[in-house]
Amino acid sequence: MGTLKFEVPHNLPKDEVKKRVEQLLQYWGSKYGVKSDWQGEEGAKLAGKVMGINLDASFTITDKTVTGEGTDPGMLLRSQAKTYLQKKFSSVLDPSKSLDQVKGNLD
């Protein structure tokens, strides 16, 4: 299988981005059993199975973006997977939402 890449822009401080992304990782952990492991302060690796598809991914937080790559789920699901990732990361990185709002709106 190939690699699926994504990039989501943000205009938040990196420490705030990490707090928000941690909420997303906790959500994925509780909903899908995805394991996450922070690699320093600016990125993490993810592993698990989501809806029957093996997931092996990583992402990095930069000053302006969250970039990542993961297992390509194949031609039939590629577009849906990329849209889902973009939507989830964009939602948690929305500067108009507080951290508490992010926590409450992950579903």
N, C-alpha and C. Protein backbone atom coordinates (compact mmCIF):
# COMPACT_ATOMS: atom_id res chain seq x y z
N MET A 1 0.83 -1.19 0.00
CA MET A 1 0.00 0.00 0.00
C MET A 1 0.87 1.25 0.00
N GLY A 2 0.31 2.32 -0.54
CA GLY A 2 1.02 3.58 -0.62
C GLY A 2 0.82 4.43 0.62
N THR A 3 1.13 5.70 0.45
CA THR A 3 1.05 6.64 1.55
C THR A 3 0.06 7.74 1.22
N LEU A 4 -0.76 8.09 2.18
CA LEU A 4 -1.70 9.19 2.08
C LEU A 4 -1.11 10.37 2.86
N LYS A 5 -0.99 11.53 2.21
CA LYS A 5 -0.41 12.70 2.88
C LYS A 5 -1.48 13.76 3.05
N PHE A 6 -1.34 14.54 4.13
CA PHE A 6 -2.27 15.64 4.35
C PHE A 6 -1.55 16.81 5.01
N GLU A 7 -2.14 17.98 4.88
CA GLU A 7 -1.59 19.19 5.48
C GLU A 7 -2.76 20.10 5.85
N VAL A 8 -2.77 20.54 7.11
CA VAL A 8 -3.84 21.42 7.58
C VAL A 8 -3.19 22.68 8.15
N PRO A 9 -3.52 23.85 7.58
CA PRO A 9 -2.94 25.10 8.11
C PRO A 9 -3.57 25.49 9.43
N HIS A 10 -2.84 26.27 10.21
CA HIS A 10 -3.37 26.81 11.47
C HIS A 10 -2.68 28.13 11.77
N ASN A 11 -3.27 28.90 12.66
CA ASN A 11 -2.62 30.14 13.10
C ASN A 11 -2.67 30.25 14.62
N LEU A 12 -2.42 29.13 15.27
CA LEU A 12 -2.39 29.05 16.73
C LEU A 12 -0.96 28.82 17.20
N PRO A 13 -0.67 29.15 18.46
CA PRO A 13 0.65 28.80 19.01
C PRO A 13 0.81 27.27 19.06
N LYS A 14 2.04 26.81 18.88
CA LYS A 14 2.29 25.36 18.82
C LYS A 14 1.82 24.64 20.07
N ASP A 15 1.99 25.23 21.25
CA ASP A 15 1.56 24.54 22.47
C ASP A 15 0.04 24.38 22.50
N GLU A 16 -0.69 25.35 21.96
CA GLU A 16 -2.15 25.25 21.87
C GLU A 16 -2.54 24.18 20.85
N VAL A 17 -1.82 24.13 19.74
CA VAL A 17 -2.09 23.10 18.73
C VAL A 17 -1.91 21.72 19.34
N LYS A 18 -0.84 21.54 20.11
CA LYS A 18 -0.60 20.23 20.72
C LYS A 18 -1.73 19.85 21.67
N LYS A 19 -2.19 20.78 22.49
CA LYS A 19 -3.29 20.49 23.42
C LYS A 19 -4.54 20.05 22.67
N ARG A 20 -4.82 20.73 21.57
CA ARG A 20 -6.01 20.43 20.79
C ARG A 20 -5.88 19.08 20.08
N VAL A 21 -4.70 18.84 19.52
CA VAL A 21 -4.47 17.57 18.83
C VAL A 21 -4.51 16.42 19.83
N GLU A 22 -4.03 16.65 21.05
CA GLU A 22 -4.10 15.60 22.08
C GLU A 22 -5.55 15.19 22.33
N GLN A 23 -6.47 16.13 22.28
CA GLN A 23 -7.89 15.81 22.44
C GLN A 23 -8.37 14.91 21.31
N LEU A 24 -7.93 15.21 20.10
CA LEU A 24 -8.29 14.39 18.95
C LEU A 24 -7.71 12.98 19.08
N LEU A 25 -6.48 12.87 19.53
CA LEU A 25 -5.86 11.55 19.70
C LEU A 25 -6.57 10.75 20.78
N GLN A 26 -6.98 11.41 21.87
CA GLN A 26 -7.74 10.72 22.92
C GLN A 26 -9.08 10.22 22.38
N TYR A 27 -9.71 11.04 21.57
CA TYR A 27 -10.98 10.65 20.94
C TYR A 27 -10.79 9.42 20.07
N TRP A 28 -9.78 9.44 19.20
CA TRP A 28 -9.52 8.29 18.33
C TRP A 28 -9.15 7.06 19.14
N GLY A 29 -8.45 7.27 20.27
CA GLY A 29 -8.09 6.15 21.13
C GLY A 29 -9.31 5.49 21.75
N SER A 30 -10.22 6.33 22.25
CA SER A 30 -11.41 5.76 22.91
C SER A 30 -12.42 5.22 21.90
N LYS A 31 -12.55 5.86 20.75
CA LYS A 31 -13.55 5.43 19.77
C LYS A 31 -13.08 4.24 18.93
N TYR A 32 -11.80 4.26 18.52
CA TYR A 32 -11.29 3.23 17.60
C TYR A 32 -10.17 2.37 18.18
N GLY A 33 -9.67 2.71 19.36
CA GLY A 33 -8.57 1.95 19.93
C GLY A 33 -7.22 2.28 19.30
N VAL A 34 -7.12 3.43 18.64
CA VAL A 34 -5.87 3.85 18.02
C VAL A 34 -4.88 4.26 19.11
N LYS A 35 -3.68 3.72 19.03
CA LYS A 35 -2.62 4.06 19.99
C LYS A 35 -1.80 5.21 19.42
N SER A 36 -1.45 6.15 20.29
CA SER A 36 -0.62 7.27 19.86
C SER A 36 0.60 7.39 20.77
N ASP A 37 1.68 7.85 20.18
CA ASP A 37 2.94 7.99 20.91
C ASP A 37 3.61 9.28 20.45
N TRP A 38 3.67 10.27 21.36
CA TRP A 38 4.31 11.53 21.01
C TRP A 38 5.79 11.32 20.80
N GLN A 39 6.31 11.92 19.76
CA GLN A 39 7.73 11.89 19.42
C GLN A 39 8.28 13.29 19.68
N GLY A 40 8.62 13.59 20.93
CA GLY A 40 9.02 14.94 21.28
C GLY A 40 7.79 15.81 21.45
N GLU A 41 7.96 17.11 21.26
CA GLU A 41 6.85 18.05 21.46
C GLU A 41 6.07 18.34 20.19
N GLU A 42 6.58 17.92 19.05
CA GLU A 42 5.99 18.42 17.81
C GLU A 42 5.44 17.35 16.88
N GLY A 43 5.26 16.14 17.34
CA GLY A 43 4.70 15.14 16.45
C GLY A 43 4.39 13.85 17.18
N ALA A 44 3.66 13.00 16.49
CA ALA A 44 3.26 11.73 17.09
C ALA A 44 3.13 10.66 16.01
N LYS A 45 3.21 9.43 16.48
CA LYS A 45 2.96 8.28 15.62
C LYS A 45 1.66 7.64 16.10
N LEU A 46 0.90 7.12 15.16
CA LEU A 46 -0.38 6.48 15.46
C LEU A 46 -0.38 5.08 14.87
N ALA A 47 -1.03 4.17 15.56
CA ALA A 47 -1.16 2.80 15.04
C ALA A 47 -2.47 2.20 15.55
N GLY A 48 -3.11 1.43 14.70
CA GLY A 48 -4.34 0.77 15.08
C GLY A 48 -5.12 0.33 13.87
N LYS A 49 -6.37 0.05 14.11
CA LYS A 49 -7.27 -0.38 13.05
C LYS A 49 -8.53 0.47 13.15
N VAL A 50 -8.88 1.13 12.06
CA VAL A 50 -10.05 1.99 12.03
C VAL A 50 -11.00 1.46 10.98
N MET A 51 -12.20 1.08 11.42
CA MET A 51 -13.22 0.55 10.52
C MET A 51 -12.66 -0.57 9.63
N GLY A 52 -11.86 -1.44 10.23
CA GLY A 52 -11.32 -2.59 9.52
C GLY A 52 -10.09 -2.32 8.69
N ILE A 53 -9.59 -1.09 8.71
CA ILE A 53 -8.42 -0.73 7.91
C ILE A 53 -7.25 -0.47 8.84
N ASN A 54 -6.11 -1.12 8.56
CA ASN A 54 -4.91 -0.89 9.36
C ASN A 54 -4.44 0.54 9.19
N LEU A 55 -4.08 1.16 10.30
CA LEU A 55 -3.60 2.53 10.29
C LEU A 55 -2.20 2.57 10.88
N ASP A 56 -1.29 3.14 10.13
CA ASP A 56 0.07 3.41 10.58
C ASP A 56 0.37 4.81 10.07
N ALA A 57 0.43 5.78 10.97
CA ALA A 57 0.54 7.17 10.54
C ALA A 57 1.45 7.97 11.47
N SER A 58 1.84 9.14 10.99
CA SER A 58 2.58 10.08 11.81
C SER A 58 2.22 11.49 11.36
N PHE A 59 2.43 12.44 12.24
CA PHE A 59 2.22 13.84 11.87
C PHE A 59 3.19 14.71 12.65
N THR A 60 3.37 15.93 12.13
CA THR A 60 4.28 16.89 12.74
C THR A 60 3.57 18.24 12.82
N ILE A 61 3.74 18.91 13.95
CA ILE A 61 3.20 20.25 14.15
C ILE A 61 4.30 21.25 13.83
N THR A 62 4.03 22.16 12.90
CA THR A 62 4.96 23.25 12.61
C THR A 62 4.30 24.56 13.03
N ASP A 63 4.99 25.67 12.81
CA ASP A 63 4.44 26.97 13.20
C ASP A 63 3.16 27.32 12.45
N LYS A 64 2.97 26.78 11.26
CA LYS A 64 1.82 27.17 10.43
C LYS A 64 0.94 26.01 9.97
N THR A 65 1.40 24.76 10.13
CA THR A 65 0.63 23.62 9.62
C THR A 65 0.77 22.41 10.54
N VAL A 66 -0.14 21.48 10.35
CA VAL A 66 0.01 20.12 10.85
C VAL A 66 0.11 19.27 9.58
N THR A 67 1.24 18.60 9.41
CA THR A 67 1.43 17.77 8.23
C THR A 67 1.55 16.33 8.67
N GLY A 68 1.06 15.44 7.85
CA GLY A 68 1.13 14.04 8.21
C GLY A 68 1.04 13.12 7.03
N GLU A 69 1.30 11.87 7.32
CA GLU A 69 1.16 10.83 6.32
C GLU A 69 0.81 9.54 7.01
N GLY A 70 0.10 8.71 6.28
CA GLY A 70 -0.31 7.44 6.85
C GLY A 70 -0.59 6.43 5.77
N THR A 71 -0.98 5.26 6.20
CA THR A 71 -1.31 4.18 5.30
C THR A 71 -2.44 4.61 4.36
N ASP A 72 -2.23 4.45 3.07
CA ASP A 72 -3.27 4.74 2.09
C ASP A 72 -4.29 3.60 2.14
N PRO A 73 -5.57 3.92 2.40
CA PRO A 73 -6.57 2.86 2.52
C PRO A 73 -7.00 2.26 1.17
N GLY A 74 -6.42 2.74 0.10
CA GLY A 74 -6.78 2.24 -1.22
C GLY A 74 -7.65 3.21 -1.98
N MET A 75 -7.76 2.97 -3.26
CA MET A 75 -8.44 3.88 -4.15
C MET A 75 -9.89 4.17 -3.74
N LEU A 76 -10.60 3.18 -3.27
CA LEU A 76 -12.02 3.36 -2.95
C LEU A 76 -12.26 4.26 -1.73
N LEU A 77 -11.33 4.24 -0.78
CA LEU A 77 -11.52 5.01 0.46
C LEU A 77 -10.58 6.20 0.61
N ARG A 78 -9.67 6.38 -0.33
CA ARG A 78 -8.65 7.43 -0.21
C ARG A 78 -9.26 8.82 -0.02
N SER A 79 -10.20 9.18 -0.86
CA SER A 79 -10.81 10.50 -0.79
C SER A 79 -11.54 10.71 0.53
N GLN A 80 -12.29 9.70 0.96
CA GLN A 80 -13.02 9.79 2.23
C GLN A 80 -12.06 9.94 3.41
N ALA A 81 -10.97 9.17 3.39
CA ALA A 81 -10.00 9.24 4.49
C ALA A 81 -9.36 10.62 4.56
N LYS A 82 -8.97 11.16 3.41
CA LYS A 82 -8.32 12.46 3.40
C LYS A 82 -9.30 13.55 3.85
N THR A 83 -10.54 13.48 3.38
CA THR A 83 -11.56 14.44 3.79
C THR A 83 -11.80 14.37 5.29
N TYR A 84 -11.87 13.16 5.84
CA TYR A 84 -12.09 12.97 7.27
C TYR A 84 -10.95 13.60 8.08
N LEU A 85 -9.71 13.31 7.68
CA LEU A 85 -8.56 13.87 8.40
C LEU A 85 -8.56 15.39 8.34
N GLN A 86 -8.77 15.94 7.15
CA GLN A 86 -8.79 17.40 6.99
C GLN A 86 -9.87 18.01 7.88
N LYS A 87 -11.05 17.39 7.88
CA LYS A 87 -12.18 17.91 8.65
C LYS A 87 -11.89 17.86 10.16
N LYS A 88 -11.38 16.73 10.64
CA LYS A 88 -11.12 16.60 12.08
C LYS A 88 -10.02 17.56 12.55
N PHE A 89 -8.90 17.61 11.80
CA PHE A 89 -7.83 18.51 12.21
C PHE A 89 -8.27 19.97 12.09
N SER A 90 -8.98 20.33 11.02
CA SER A 90 -9.45 21.71 10.86
C SER A 90 -10.39 22.09 12.00
N SER A 91 -11.24 21.18 12.41
CA SER A 91 -12.18 21.45 13.50
C SER A 91 -11.45 21.71 14.81
N VAL A 92 -10.48 20.87 15.16
CA VAL A 92 -9.78 21.07 16.44
C VAL A 92 -8.85 22.28 16.40
N LEU A 93 -8.43 22.70 15.20
CA LEU A 93 -7.52 23.84 15.08
C LEU A 93 -8.24 25.15 14.79
N ASP A 94 -9.57 25.14 14.86
CA ASP A 94 -10.36 26.34 14.61
C ASP A 94 -10.13 27.35 15.74
N PRO A 95 -9.52 28.50 15.44
CA PRO A 95 -9.21 29.46 16.51
C PRO A 95 -10.44 30.10 17.14
N SER A 96 -11.61 29.98 16.50
CA SER A 96 -12.82 30.56 17.08
C SER A 96 -13.41 29.67 18.17
N LYS A 97 -12.88 28.45 18.32
CA LYS A 97 -13.36 27.53 19.35
C LYS A 97 -12.37 27.47 20.50
N SER A 98 -12.91 27.40 21.71
CA SER A 98 -12.06 27.22 22.88
C SER A 98 -11.67 25.74 22.98
N LEU A 99 -10.69 25.44 23.82
CA LEU A 99 -10.29 24.05 24.03
C LEU A 99 -11.46 23.22 24.55
N ASP A 100 -12.27 23.78 25.42
CA ASP A 100 -13.44 23.07 25.94
C ASP A 100 -14.45 22.79 24.82
N GLN A 101 -14.63 23.73 23.91
CA GLN A 101 -15.52 23.50 22.77
C GLN A 101 -14.98 22.40 21.87
N VAL A 102 -13.67 22.39 21.69
CA VAL A 102 -13.03 21.34 20.87
C VAL A 102 -13.32 19.97 21.50
N LYS A 103 -13.14 19.88 22.82
CA LYS A 103 -13.37 18.61 23.53
C LYS A 103 -14.79 18.11 23.35
N GLY A 104 -15.74 19.04 23.35
CA GLY A 104 -17.14 18.67 23.28
C GLY A 104 -17.67 18.41 21.89
N ASN A 105 -16.91 18.74 20.86
CA ASN A 105 -17.42 18.66 19.48
C ASN A 105 -16.65 17.67 18.61
N LEU A 106 -16.10 16.63 19.17
CA LEU A 106 -15.30 15.70 18.37
C LEU A 106 -16.12 14.68 17.60
N ASP A 107 -17.30 14.36 18.04
CA ASP A 107 -18.10 13.36 17.31
C ASP A 107 -18.60 13.85 15.99
